[in-house]
N, C-alpha and C. Protein backbone atom coordinates (compact mmCIF):
# COMPACT_ATOMS: atom_id res chain seq x y z
N MET A 1 26.46 -15.21 3.58
CA MET A 1 25.23 -15.80 3.36
C MET A 1 25.23 -16.97 2.51
N GLN A 2 24.67 -18.08 2.88
CA GLN A 2 24.64 -19.21 2.05
C GLN A 2 23.71 -19.11 1.01
N ALA A 3 23.81 -19.98 -0.10
CA ALA A 3 23.00 -19.91 -1.29
C ALA A 3 21.60 -20.12 -1.00
N ILE A 4 20.62 -19.65 -1.59
CA ILE A 4 19.20 -19.93 -1.52
C ILE A 4 18.88 -21.09 -2.29
N ALA A 5 18.27 -22.08 -1.75
CA ALA A 5 17.94 -23.18 -2.47
C ALA A 5 16.44 -23.42 -2.83
N SER A 6 15.62 -22.39 -2.29
CA SER A 6 14.12 -22.42 -2.69
C SER A 6 13.51 -21.18 -2.26
N ARG A 7 12.23 -20.86 -2.87
CA ARG A 7 11.50 -19.70 -2.44
C ARG A 7 11.16 -19.72 -1.00
N ASP A 8 10.73 -21.08 -0.47
CA ASP A 8 10.42 -21.06 0.94
C ASP A 8 11.71 -20.82 1.87
N GLN A 9 12.74 -21.10 1.53
CA GLN A 9 14.01 -20.83 2.22
C GLN A 9 14.30 -19.32 2.32
N ALA A 10 14.03 -18.67 1.11
CA ALA A 10 14.16 -17.36 0.95
C ALA A 10 13.20 -16.53 1.81
N ASP A 11 11.91 -17.02 1.71
CA ASP A 11 10.76 -16.31 2.71
C ASP A 11 11.19 -16.71 4.29
N HIS A 12 11.59 -17.75 4.64
CA HIS A 12 12.20 -18.08 5.87
C HIS A 12 13.33 -17.07 6.37
N TYR A 13 14.16 -16.81 5.55
CA TYR A 13 15.20 -15.98 5.83
C TYR A 13 14.79 -14.38 5.89
N LEU A 14 13.93 -14.05 4.89
CA LEU A 14 13.28 -12.68 5.06
C LEU A 14 12.32 -12.55 6.14
N ALA A 15 11.69 -13.48 6.59
CA ALA A 15 10.68 -13.35 7.71
C ALA A 15 11.63 -12.94 9.00
N LYS A 16 12.75 -13.15 9.02
CA LYS A 16 13.55 -12.73 10.30
C LYS A 16 13.69 -11.27 10.26
N HIS A 17 13.69 -10.71 9.26
CA HIS A 17 13.85 -9.18 9.00
C HIS A 17 12.65 -8.32 8.50
N VAL A 18 11.64 -9.22 7.83
CA VAL A 18 10.51 -8.42 7.34
C VAL A 18 9.36 -9.17 7.86
N SER A 19 8.63 -8.57 8.85
CA SER A 19 7.59 -9.21 9.34
C SER A 19 6.20 -9.33 8.57
N GLU A 20 5.91 -8.40 7.67
CA GLU A 20 4.91 -8.30 6.70
C GLU A 20 4.96 -9.27 5.60
N LEU A 21 3.89 -10.25 5.51
CA LEU A 21 3.94 -11.22 4.61
C LEU A 21 3.82 -10.48 3.30
N SER A 22 3.00 -9.48 2.98
CA SER A 22 2.90 -8.86 1.62
C SER A 22 4.20 -8.20 1.27
N ILE A 23 4.89 -7.81 2.13
CA ILE A 23 6.23 -7.18 1.71
C ILE A 23 7.07 -8.33 1.29
N ARG A 24 7.07 -9.29 2.08
CA ARG A 24 7.95 -10.48 1.51
C ARG A 24 7.55 -11.06 0.41
N GLN A 25 6.23 -11.25 0.00
CA GLN A 25 5.75 -11.64 -1.27
C GLN A 25 6.12 -10.69 -2.52
N PHE A 26 6.09 -9.53 -2.14
CA PHE A 26 6.50 -8.31 -3.10
C PHE A 26 8.16 -8.67 -3.43
N LEU A 27 8.83 -8.79 -2.39
CA LEU A 27 10.35 -8.95 -2.50
C LEU A 27 10.58 -10.31 -3.41
N LEU A 28 9.81 -11.50 -2.89
CA LEU A 28 10.04 -12.60 -3.51
C LEU A 28 9.82 -12.59 -5.10
N GLN A 29 8.87 -11.66 -5.53
CA GLN A 29 8.77 -11.79 -6.97
C GLN A 29 10.18 -11.40 -7.76
N ASN A 30 11.07 -10.76 -7.02
CA ASN A 30 12.39 -10.33 -7.57
C ASN A 30 13.28 -11.63 -7.73
N LEU A 31 12.93 -12.72 -6.99
CA LEU A 31 13.87 -13.88 -6.91
C LEU A 31 13.63 -14.69 -8.30
N VAL A 32 14.60 -15.05 -8.84
CA VAL A 32 14.45 -15.78 -10.05
C VAL A 32 15.49 -16.98 -10.01
N ASN A 33 15.10 -18.12 -10.68
CA ASN A 33 15.86 -19.33 -10.65
C ASN A 33 16.63 -19.35 -12.01
N LYS A 34 17.73 -19.15 -11.91
CA LYS A 34 18.62 -19.31 -13.17
C LYS A 34 19.59 -20.49 -12.92
N ASN A 35 19.33 -21.52 -13.95
CA ASN A 35 20.21 -22.75 -13.87
C ASN A 35 20.29 -23.44 -12.58
N GLY A 36 19.12 -23.34 -11.83
CA GLY A 36 19.02 -24.21 -10.53
C GLY A 36 19.57 -23.35 -9.50
N GLU A 37 20.00 -21.96 -9.73
CA GLU A 37 20.37 -21.24 -8.63
C GLU A 37 19.44 -19.99 -8.53
N TYR A 38 19.01 -19.63 -7.21
CA TYR A 38 18.13 -18.46 -7.07
C TYR A 38 18.89 -17.28 -6.91
N LYS A 39 18.65 -16.22 -7.61
CA LYS A 39 19.31 -14.99 -7.59
C LYS A 39 18.42 -13.87 -7.66
N TRP A 40 18.58 -12.72 -7.05
CA TRP A 40 17.83 -11.53 -6.90
C TRP A 40 17.92 -10.82 -8.38
N ARG A 41 16.94 -10.51 -9.01
CA ARG A 41 16.87 -9.76 -10.26
C ARG A 41 17.42 -8.44 -10.03
N ILE A 42 16.87 -7.79 -8.91
CA ILE A 42 17.28 -6.34 -8.55
C ILE A 42 17.85 -6.61 -7.15
N PRO A 43 18.87 -6.05 -6.81
CA PRO A 43 19.58 -6.23 -5.57
C PRO A 43 18.50 -5.61 -4.55
N VAL A 44 18.26 -6.57 -3.41
CA VAL A 44 17.39 -6.28 -2.47
C VAL A 44 17.71 -4.80 -1.79
N SER A 45 19.13 -4.48 -1.62
CA SER A 45 19.43 -3.20 -1.04
C SER A 45 18.82 -2.03 -1.85
N SER A 46 18.81 -2.29 -3.21
CA SER A 46 18.18 -1.27 -4.05
C SER A 46 16.68 -1.04 -3.87
N ILE A 47 15.94 -2.14 -3.63
CA ILE A 47 14.59 -2.08 -3.26
C ILE A 47 14.40 -1.50 -1.92
N GLU A 48 15.18 -1.95 -0.99
CA GLU A 48 15.16 -1.27 0.39
C GLU A 48 15.24 0.23 0.39
N GLN A 49 16.16 0.70 -0.46
CA GLN A 49 16.34 2.15 -0.51
C GLN A 49 15.26 2.93 -1.19
N ALA A 50 14.45 2.17 -2.11
CA ALA A 50 13.27 2.72 -2.84
C ALA A 50 11.91 2.58 -2.11
N MET A 51 12.05 1.87 -0.98
CA MET A 51 10.56 1.49 -0.45
C MET A 51 9.85 2.63 -0.02
N PRO A 52 10.42 3.84 0.45
CA PRO A 52 9.54 5.11 0.62
C PRO A 52 8.78 5.38 -0.56
N GLU A 53 9.41 5.40 -1.69
CA GLU A 53 8.66 5.76 -2.85
C GLU A 53 7.87 4.72 -3.38
N ILE A 54 8.13 3.48 -3.27
CA ILE A 54 7.35 2.40 -3.54
C ILE A 54 5.95 2.29 -2.72
N MET A 55 6.14 2.49 -1.54
CA MET A 55 4.93 2.46 -0.68
C MET A 55 4.34 3.72 -0.26
N GLY A 56 4.93 4.76 -0.75
CA GLY A 56 4.39 6.11 -0.57
C GLY A 56 3.34 6.51 -1.52
N PHE A 57 3.20 7.96 -1.57
CA PHE A 57 2.22 8.56 -2.53
C PHE A 57 3.01 9.71 -2.99
N PRO A 58 2.86 10.08 -4.39
CA PRO A 58 3.42 10.98 -5.12
C PRO A 58 3.15 12.42 -4.42
N GLU A 59 4.16 13.16 -4.76
CA GLU A 59 4.19 14.76 -4.20
C GLU A 59 2.96 15.26 -5.01
N SER A 60 2.25 16.20 -4.25
CA SER A 60 1.18 16.87 -4.77
C SER A 60 1.25 17.69 -6.24
N SER A 61 2.67 18.07 -6.38
CA SER A 61 2.88 18.80 -7.52
C SER A 61 2.87 17.81 -8.81
N LEU A 62 2.95 16.40 -8.60
CA LEU A 62 2.97 15.48 -9.61
C LEU A 62 1.63 14.98 -9.99
N ILE A 63 0.67 15.33 -9.14
CA ILE A 63 -0.68 14.73 -9.16
C ILE A 63 -1.63 15.45 -10.19
N LYS A 64 -2.20 14.73 -11.00
CA LYS A 64 -3.11 15.37 -11.92
C LYS A 64 -4.52 14.51 -11.73
N LEU A 65 -5.72 15.26 -11.99
CA LEU A 65 -6.90 14.56 -11.93
C LEU A 65 -6.99 13.78 -13.02
N TYR A 66 -7.72 12.53 -12.72
CA TYR A 66 -8.07 11.67 -13.82
C TYR A 66 -9.57 11.54 -13.89
N HIS A 67 -10.21 11.95 -14.97
CA HIS A 67 -11.58 12.06 -15.09
C HIS A 67 -12.26 10.84 -15.76
N GLN A 68 -11.60 9.84 -16.16
CA GLN A 68 -12.34 8.72 -16.92
C GLN A 68 -12.66 7.78 -15.84
N PRO A 69 -13.72 6.94 -16.11
CA PRO A 69 -14.27 5.91 -15.15
C PRO A 69 -13.00 5.17 -14.74
N THR A 70 -12.81 4.78 -13.48
CA THR A 70 -11.77 4.14 -12.83
C THR A 70 -12.35 3.29 -11.71
N LEU A 71 -11.91 1.98 -11.82
CA LEU A 71 -12.30 0.98 -10.92
C LEU A 71 -11.10 0.74 -9.81
N PHE A 72 -11.45 0.78 -8.54
CA PHE A 72 -10.53 0.37 -7.53
C PHE A 72 -11.09 -0.91 -6.79
N ILE A 73 -10.37 -1.92 -6.72
CA ILE A 73 -10.62 -3.12 -6.22
C ILE A 73 -9.78 -3.44 -4.94
N GLY A 74 -10.37 -3.73 -3.82
CA GLY A 74 -9.55 -3.86 -2.59
C GLY A 74 -10.17 -5.13 -1.91
N GLY A 75 -9.30 -5.87 -1.14
CA GLY A 75 -9.65 -6.98 -0.27
C GLY A 75 -10.21 -6.35 1.10
N GLY A 76 -11.29 -6.93 1.53
CA GLY A 76 -11.91 -6.51 2.69
C GLY A 76 -10.90 -6.95 4.03
N GLN A 77 -9.92 -7.70 3.82
CA GLN A 77 -9.07 -8.04 5.02
C GLN A 77 -7.63 -7.44 4.61
N SER A 78 -7.60 -6.38 3.92
CA SER A 78 -6.40 -5.74 3.45
C SER A 78 -6.45 -4.43 4.15
N ASP A 79 -5.37 -3.78 4.42
CA ASP A 79 -5.40 -2.45 4.91
C ASP A 79 -4.85 -1.52 3.80
N TYR A 80 -5.00 -1.83 2.44
CA TYR A 80 -4.32 -1.08 1.48
C TYR A 80 -5.43 -0.09 0.81
N LEU A 81 -6.78 -0.48 0.99
CA LEU A 81 -7.80 0.50 0.51
C LEU A 81 -8.92 0.46 1.49
N LEU A 82 -8.68 1.54 2.33
CA LEU A 82 -9.58 1.53 3.54
C LEU A 82 -10.57 2.79 3.21
N PRO A 83 -11.56 2.97 4.10
CA PRO A 83 -12.63 4.07 3.95
C PRO A 83 -11.93 5.29 4.07
N LYS A 84 -10.83 5.41 5.02
CA LYS A 84 -10.20 6.76 5.12
C LYS A 84 -9.37 7.19 3.70
N HIS A 85 -9.06 6.16 2.98
CA HIS A 85 -8.41 6.58 1.57
C HIS A 85 -9.50 7.11 0.51
N HIS A 86 -10.75 6.80 0.88
CA HIS A 86 -11.87 7.13 -0.28
C HIS A 86 -11.84 8.57 -0.56
N LYS A 87 -11.58 9.48 0.38
CA LYS A 87 -11.73 11.03 0.17
C LYS A 87 -10.58 11.25 -0.86
N VAL A 88 -9.54 10.87 -0.64
CA VAL A 88 -8.51 11.19 -1.59
C VAL A 88 -8.63 10.53 -3.03
N ILE A 89 -9.17 9.38 -3.01
CA ILE A 89 -9.46 8.75 -4.28
C ILE A 89 -10.54 9.42 -4.96
N ASN A 90 -11.66 9.99 -4.27
CA ASN A 90 -12.72 10.58 -4.82
C ASN A 90 -12.14 12.04 -5.31
N SER A 91 -11.25 12.57 -4.75
CA SER A 91 -10.58 13.94 -5.18
C SER A 91 -9.81 13.75 -6.43
N LEU A 92 -9.01 12.62 -6.57
CA LEU A 92 -7.99 12.49 -7.78
C LEU A 92 -8.80 11.93 -8.77
N PHE A 93 -9.84 10.92 -8.61
CA PHE A 93 -10.42 10.25 -9.58
C PHE A 93 -11.94 10.45 -9.44
N PRO A 94 -12.42 11.54 -9.96
CA PRO A 94 -13.80 11.94 -9.67
C PRO A 94 -14.79 10.79 -10.33
N SER A 95 -14.49 10.04 -11.18
CA SER A 95 -15.47 9.22 -11.84
C SER A 95 -15.06 7.71 -11.31
N ASN A 96 -14.87 7.53 -10.21
CA ASN A 96 -14.27 6.17 -9.63
C ASN A 96 -15.39 5.35 -9.07
N THR A 97 -15.07 4.04 -9.05
CA THR A 97 -15.96 3.27 -8.46
C THR A 97 -15.00 2.22 -7.62
N ILE A 98 -15.49 2.06 -6.37
CA ILE A 98 -14.64 1.25 -5.35
C ILE A 98 -15.36 0.00 -4.99
N LYS A 99 -14.62 -1.07 -5.12
CA LYS A 99 -15.33 -2.40 -5.09
C LYS A 99 -14.44 -3.14 -3.99
N ILE A 100 -14.94 -3.34 -2.87
CA ILE A 100 -14.33 -4.21 -1.91
C ILE A 100 -14.83 -5.71 -1.76
N ILE A 101 -13.86 -6.47 -2.09
CA ILE A 101 -14.08 -8.02 -2.01
C ILE A 101 -13.75 -8.49 -0.61
N GLU A 102 -14.83 -8.76 0.13
CA GLU A 102 -14.80 -9.14 1.51
C GLU A 102 -13.77 -10.30 2.00
N ASN A 103 -13.97 -11.28 1.26
CA ASN A 103 -13.10 -12.51 1.51
C ASN A 103 -11.73 -12.56 1.03
N ALA A 104 -11.08 -11.50 0.93
CA ALA A 104 -9.69 -11.30 0.31
C ALA A 104 -8.84 -10.33 1.24
N GLY A 105 -7.37 -10.62 1.05
CA GLY A 105 -6.73 -9.66 1.69
C GLY A 105 -5.96 -8.80 0.33
N HIS A 106 -4.74 -8.61 0.52
CA HIS A 106 -4.16 -7.57 -0.32
C HIS A 106 -3.95 -8.18 -1.95
N TRP A 107 -3.83 -9.51 -1.85
CA TRP A 107 -3.79 -10.23 -3.07
C TRP A 107 -5.09 -10.70 -3.67
N VAL A 108 -5.88 -9.82 -3.82
CA VAL A 108 -7.43 -9.93 -4.05
C VAL A 108 -7.70 -10.75 -5.36
N HIS A 109 -6.73 -10.41 -6.34
CA HIS A 109 -6.87 -11.17 -7.64
C HIS A 109 -6.48 -12.61 -7.50
N ALA A 110 -5.58 -12.94 -6.58
CA ALA A 110 -5.08 -14.38 -6.47
C ALA A 110 -6.17 -15.18 -5.44
N GLU A 111 -6.61 -14.43 -4.56
CA GLU A 111 -7.48 -15.12 -3.49
C GLU A 111 -8.88 -15.18 -3.93
N GLN A 112 -9.51 -14.16 -4.64
CA GLN A 112 -10.80 -14.35 -5.23
C GLN A 112 -10.97 -13.97 -6.87
N PRO A 113 -10.38 -14.78 -7.66
CA PRO A 113 -10.24 -14.40 -9.01
C PRO A 113 -11.48 -14.23 -9.60
N GLN A 114 -12.54 -14.98 -9.31
CA GLN A 114 -13.85 -14.98 -9.97
C GLN A 114 -14.56 -13.62 -9.59
N GLN A 115 -14.42 -13.13 -8.40
CA GLN A 115 -15.10 -12.05 -7.77
C GLN A 115 -14.47 -10.89 -8.50
N VAL A 116 -13.11 -10.87 -8.70
CA VAL A 116 -12.31 -9.78 -9.38
C VAL A 116 -12.91 -9.69 -10.86
N PHE A 117 -13.03 -10.85 -11.50
CA PHE A 117 -13.34 -10.85 -12.90
C PHE A 117 -14.80 -10.25 -13.04
N ASP A 118 -15.64 -10.77 -12.04
CA ASP A 118 -17.14 -10.29 -11.94
C ASP A 118 -17.07 -8.79 -11.92
N ALA A 119 -16.24 -8.24 -11.05
CA ALA A 119 -16.35 -6.79 -10.67
C ALA A 119 -15.84 -5.98 -11.88
N ILE A 120 -14.81 -6.54 -12.61
CA ILE A 120 -14.37 -5.77 -13.78
C ILE A 120 -15.56 -5.83 -14.91
N TYR A 121 -16.06 -7.05 -15.06
CA TYR A 121 -17.12 -7.28 -16.02
C TYR A 121 -18.23 -6.14 -15.77
N GLN A 122 -18.66 -6.17 -14.52
CA GLN A 122 -19.76 -5.24 -14.14
C GLN A 122 -19.42 -3.77 -14.32
N PHE A 123 -18.06 -3.40 -13.90
CA PHE A 123 -17.72 -2.09 -14.16
C PHE A 123 -17.89 -1.60 -15.60
N ASN A 124 -17.39 -2.66 -16.54
CA ASN A 124 -17.45 -2.29 -17.90
C ASN A 124 -18.87 -2.53 -18.69
N GLY A 125 -19.82 -2.87 -17.75
CA GLY A 125 -21.22 -2.99 -18.35
C GLY A 125 -21.39 -4.20 -19.20
N LEU A 126 -20.68 -5.27 -18.83
CA LEU A 126 -20.61 -6.51 -19.56
C LEU A 126 -21.52 -7.56 -18.77
N ASP A 127 -21.92 -8.64 -19.45
CA ASP A 127 -22.55 -9.69 -18.70
C ASP A 127 -21.37 -10.66 -18.22
N ASN A 128 -21.53 -11.32 -17.05
CA ASN A 128 -20.35 -12.30 -16.56
C ASN A 128 -20.64 -13.57 -17.67
N ILE A 129 -19.29 -14.15 -17.59
CA ILE A 129 -19.26 -15.48 -18.47
C ILE A 129 -19.77 -16.67 -17.59
């Protein structure tokens, strides 16, 4: 494989093998520029092997209930926090609040930072700045 000259080039190469943009963006976080040369901080093969654990859910024997107030923020255009997940969230985090920000995908904090900020402030009982 020839050397990677830019993040765009790396994304273009990854797109041939990984169709989901969010997964490619996750992988590209691992790409660093050292002295003008792009290198993987962690070998992509190691990430590939760990993907079931990264994308999965822990075994039930490892799960403990968390009773403190917890805020879940999801993007309305993402499939990472859907109504079908709420039952599990409610069972594991009994004092949860789920906030869906409609005009955002998975990267809700980057796509709608003010709405995320407002949701966090409201959750903590603070006035918005």
